[in-house]
Amino acid sequence: MLREVMPHEPGIRAWLRQRGQSADDIDDLIQEGYAKLAGVTAFAQIAQPGGYFFQIVRNLMIDSIRRARVVRIDTVEHLADHGSLNDDVTPERIAAVRNELSWVMRALETLPERCRAIFTLRKIDGLSQKEIAARMGVSESIVENDAAKGLTLLMRAMRRDIEPSSRSPR
């Protein structure tokens, strides 16, 4: 899977930079994209893995823009060309998102306590490594290492716990 997707990462990073994303945001989007990709059970059925990964990262970026308090106008202009901000919210999409959230929350519970706390503060609450380190009384390198460890363990848990009939490629 990674052999088919990783060659596309530099192009996706460049595309994100062109849309005004910061280096930290790009790293987060790519990392979250890999986590979502790890949860795909029918990867072999995806005709264009690079394009599929791009779509995942693009959707993550759009979601982060929707949640952002302040959005650069040039970012919105780039996205408006694609009509991405006006995607319809359907009952099916709501149900799928709720199901996925429940599934991710169960997977988060499998993480060691400190990894789970750091991962939650970083990925859900949006705190910086520096803020997390200060709040938890640990070094930034511990925050960085535990966030990476948490992501690795989460990806393993997601692959292990996945039910092939409950998920399909989008």
Protein backbone atom coordinates (compact mmCIF):
# COMPACT_ATOMS: atom_id res chain seq x y z
CA MET A 1 0.00 0.00 0.00
CA LEU A 2 2.64 2.54 1.03
CA ARG A 3 4.79 1.74 -2.02
CA GLU A 4 1.92 2.84 -4.24
CA VAL A 5 1.07 6.01 -2.30
CA MET A 6 4.32 7.45 -0.94
CA PRO A 7 5.69 8.52 -4.35
CA HIS A 8 2.73 10.92 -4.56
CA GLU A 9 3.43 12.59 -1.21
CA PRO A 10 5.82 15.31 -2.52
CA GLY A 11 3.24 16.37 -5.12
CA ILE A 12 0.48 16.48 -2.54
CA ARG A 13 2.71 18.51 -0.20
CA ALA A 14 3.41 20.98 -3.02
CA TRP A 15 -0.31 21.22 -3.79
CA LEU A 16 -1.05 21.94 -0.11
CA ARG A 17 1.70 24.61 0.00
CA GLN A 18 0.16 26.28 -3.07
CA ARG A 19 -3.09 26.49 -1.14
CA GLY A 20 -1.49 28.37 1.73
CA GLN A 21 -1.13 25.52 4.22
CA SER A 22 1.66 25.88 6.80
CA ALA A 23 4.39 23.26 7.10
CA ASP A 24 2.89 22.00 10.39
CA ASP A 25 -0.59 21.78 8.87
CA ILE A 26 0.78 19.92 5.86
CA ASP A 27 2.52 17.41 8.14
CA ASP A 28 -0.70 16.93 10.11
CA LEU A 29 -2.83 16.50 6.98
CA ILE A 30 -0.42 13.95 5.47
CA GLN A 31 -0.20 12.04 8.77
CA GLU A 32 -3.99 11.99 9.17
CA GLY A 33 -4.28 10.92 5.53
CA TYR A 34 -2.04 7.92 6.15
CA ALA A 35 -4.07 7.03 9.24
CA LYS A 36 -7.29 7.07 7.22
CA LEU A 37 -5.65 5.09 4.43
CA ALA A 38 -4.54 2.46 6.95
CA GLY A 39 -8.20 1.86 7.78
CA VAL A 40 -9.14 0.96 4.21
CA THR A 41 -9.76 -2.78 3.98
CA ALA A 42 -10.31 -3.08 0.24
CA PHE A 43 -7.15 -1.23 -0.78
CA ALA A 44 -6.47 -3.65 -3.65
CA GLN A 45 -9.74 -2.55 -5.27
CA ILE A 46 -8.63 1.08 -5.52
CA ALA A 47 -7.70 1.74 -9.14
CA GLN A 48 -5.55 4.83 -8.46
CA PRO A 49 -4.09 4.72 -4.93
CA GLY A 50 -2.24 8.03 -5.37
CA GLY A 51 -5.41 9.80 -6.45
CA TYR A 52 -7.35 8.20 -3.63
CA PHE A 53 -4.77 9.39 -1.10
CA PHE A 54 -4.85 12.87 -2.62
CA GLN A 55 -8.65 12.91 -2.24
CA ILE A 56 -8.35 11.88 1.43
CA VAL A 57 -5.84 14.67 2.16
CA ARG A 58 -7.87 17.21 0.17
CA ASN A 59 -11.01 16.33 2.15
CA LEU A 60 -9.08 16.60 5.43
CA MET A 61 -7.86 20.05 4.37
CA ILE A 62 -11.40 21.14 3.51
CA ASP A 63 -12.66 19.87 6.87
CA SER A 64 -9.92 21.81 8.68
CA ILE A 65 -10.82 24.95 6.74
CA ARG A 66 -14.47 24.52 7.67
CA ARG A 67 -13.50 24.30 11.35
CA ALA A 68 -11.00 27.16 11.27
CA ARG A 69 -11.88 30.47 12.87
CA VAL A 70 -9.78 32.44 10.39
CA VAL A 71 -9.27 31.33 6.80
CA ARG A 72 -7.05 33.06 4.27
CA ILE A 73 -9.11 34.34 1.36
CA ASP A 74 -6.76 32.84 -1.25
CA THR A 75 -7.31 29.40 0.31
CA VAL A 76 -11.06 29.76 -0.13
CA GLU A 77 -10.61 30.98 -3.70
CA HIS A 78 -8.60 27.84 -4.60
CA LEU A 79 -11.29 25.60 -3.16
CA ALA A 80 -14.22 27.52 -4.62
CA ASP A 81 -12.96 26.59 -8.09
CA HIS A 82 -13.63 22.94 -7.26
CA GLY A 83 -17.00 23.43 -5.56
CA SER A 84 -15.71 21.51 -2.53
CA LEU A 85 -17.14 23.80 0.11
CA ASN A 86 -20.70 23.18 -1.01
CA ASP A 87 -20.79 19.37 -0.82
CA ASP A 88 -24.23 18.22 0.32
CA VAL A 89 -24.54 16.67 3.73
CA THR A 90 -26.71 13.60 3.34
CA PRO A 91 -28.13 11.30 6.02
CA GLU A 92 -25.84 8.57 4.70
CA ARG A 93 -22.75 10.76 5.13
CA ILE A 94 -23.85 11.74 8.65
CA ALA A 95 -24.38 8.09 9.60
CA ALA A 96 -21.04 7.06 8.09
CA VAL A 97 -19.19 9.84 9.93
CA ARG A 98 -20.86 8.96 13.23
CA ASN A 99 -19.97 5.31 12.74
CA GLU A 100 -16.37 6.18 11.90
CA LEU A 101 -16.10 8.52 14.91
CA SER A 102 -17.36 5.80 17.24
CA TRP A 103 -14.88 3.37 15.73
CA VAL A 104 -11.97 5.82 16.11
CA MET A 105 -12.92 6.56 19.73
CA ARG A 106 -12.83 2.82 20.50
CA ALA A 107 -9.41 2.58 18.85
CA LEU A 108 -8.17 5.58 20.88
CA GLU A 109 -9.08 3.72 24.06
CA THR A 110 -6.49 1.06 23.17
CA LEU A 111 -3.61 3.55 23.42
CA PRO A 112 -1.46 3.83 26.55
CA GLU A 113 -2.71 6.62 28.80
CA ARG A 114 -0.01 9.22 28.04
CA CYS A 115 -0.08 8.49 24.28
CA ARG A 116 -3.86 8.83 24.27
CA ALA A 117 -3.70 12.11 26.20
CA ILE A 118 -1.03 13.57 23.91
CA PHE A 119 -2.73 12.33 20.73
CA THR A 120 -6.06 13.79 21.88
CA LEU A 121 -4.56 17.15 22.84
CA ARG A 122 -2.69 17.38 19.53
CA LYS A 123 -5.15 15.97 17.01
CA ILE A 124 -8.51 16.71 18.58
CA ASP A 125 -7.91 19.79 20.72
CA GLY A 126 -5.36 21.23 18.26
CA LEU A 127 -2.72 22.19 20.82
CA SER A 128 0.89 22.63 19.72
CA GLN A 129 3.66 20.36 20.93
CA LYS A 130 4.94 23.20 23.09
CA GLU A 131 1.53 23.75 24.71
CA ILE A 132 1.11 20.03 25.39
CA ALA A 133 4.60 19.76 26.88
CA ALA A 134 3.90 22.70 29.22
CA ARG A 135 0.48 21.36 30.20
CA MET A 136 1.74 17.83 30.89
CA GLY A 137 5.12 18.79 32.36
CA VAL A 138 7.15 16.81 29.84
CA SER A 139 9.64 17.73 27.12
CA GLU A 140 8.58 18.52 23.57
CA SER A 141 10.52 15.49 22.34
CA ILE A 142 8.41 13.25 24.58
CA VAL A 143 5.29 14.86 23.11
CA GLU A 144 6.59 14.31 19.58
CA ASN A 145 7.62 10.71 20.27
CA ASP A 146 4.39 9.80 22.05
CA ALA A 147 2.29 11.41 19.31
CA ALA A 148 4.13 9.30 16.71
CA LYS A 149 3.87 6.20 18.89
CA GLY A 150 0.17 6.89 19.42
CA LEU A 151 -0.42 7.20 15.68
CA THR A 152 1.44 3.95 15.00
CA LEU A 153 -0.51 2.08 17.69
CA LEU A 154 -3.77 3.61 16.52
CA MET A 155 -3.12 2.51 12.95
CA ARG A 156 -2.37 -1.04 14.15
CA ALA A 157 -5.51 -1.09 16.27
CA MET A 158 -7.57 0.16 13.37
CA ARG A 159 -6.17 -2.52 11.03
CA ARG A 160 -6.65 -5.24 13.65
CA ASP A 161 -10.18 -4.26 14.68
CA ILE A 162 -11.57 -3.47 11.27
CA GLU A 163 -14.50 -5.48 9.99
CA PRO A 164 -14.33 -5.87 6.20
CA SER A 165 -18.08 -5.57 5.79
CA SER A 166 -18.30 -2.35 7.81
CA ARG A 167 -15.94 -0.22 5.72
CA SER A 168 -15.40 0.33 2.06
CA PRO A 169 -13.24 2.70 0.00
CA ARG A 170 -14.82 6.04 -0.70
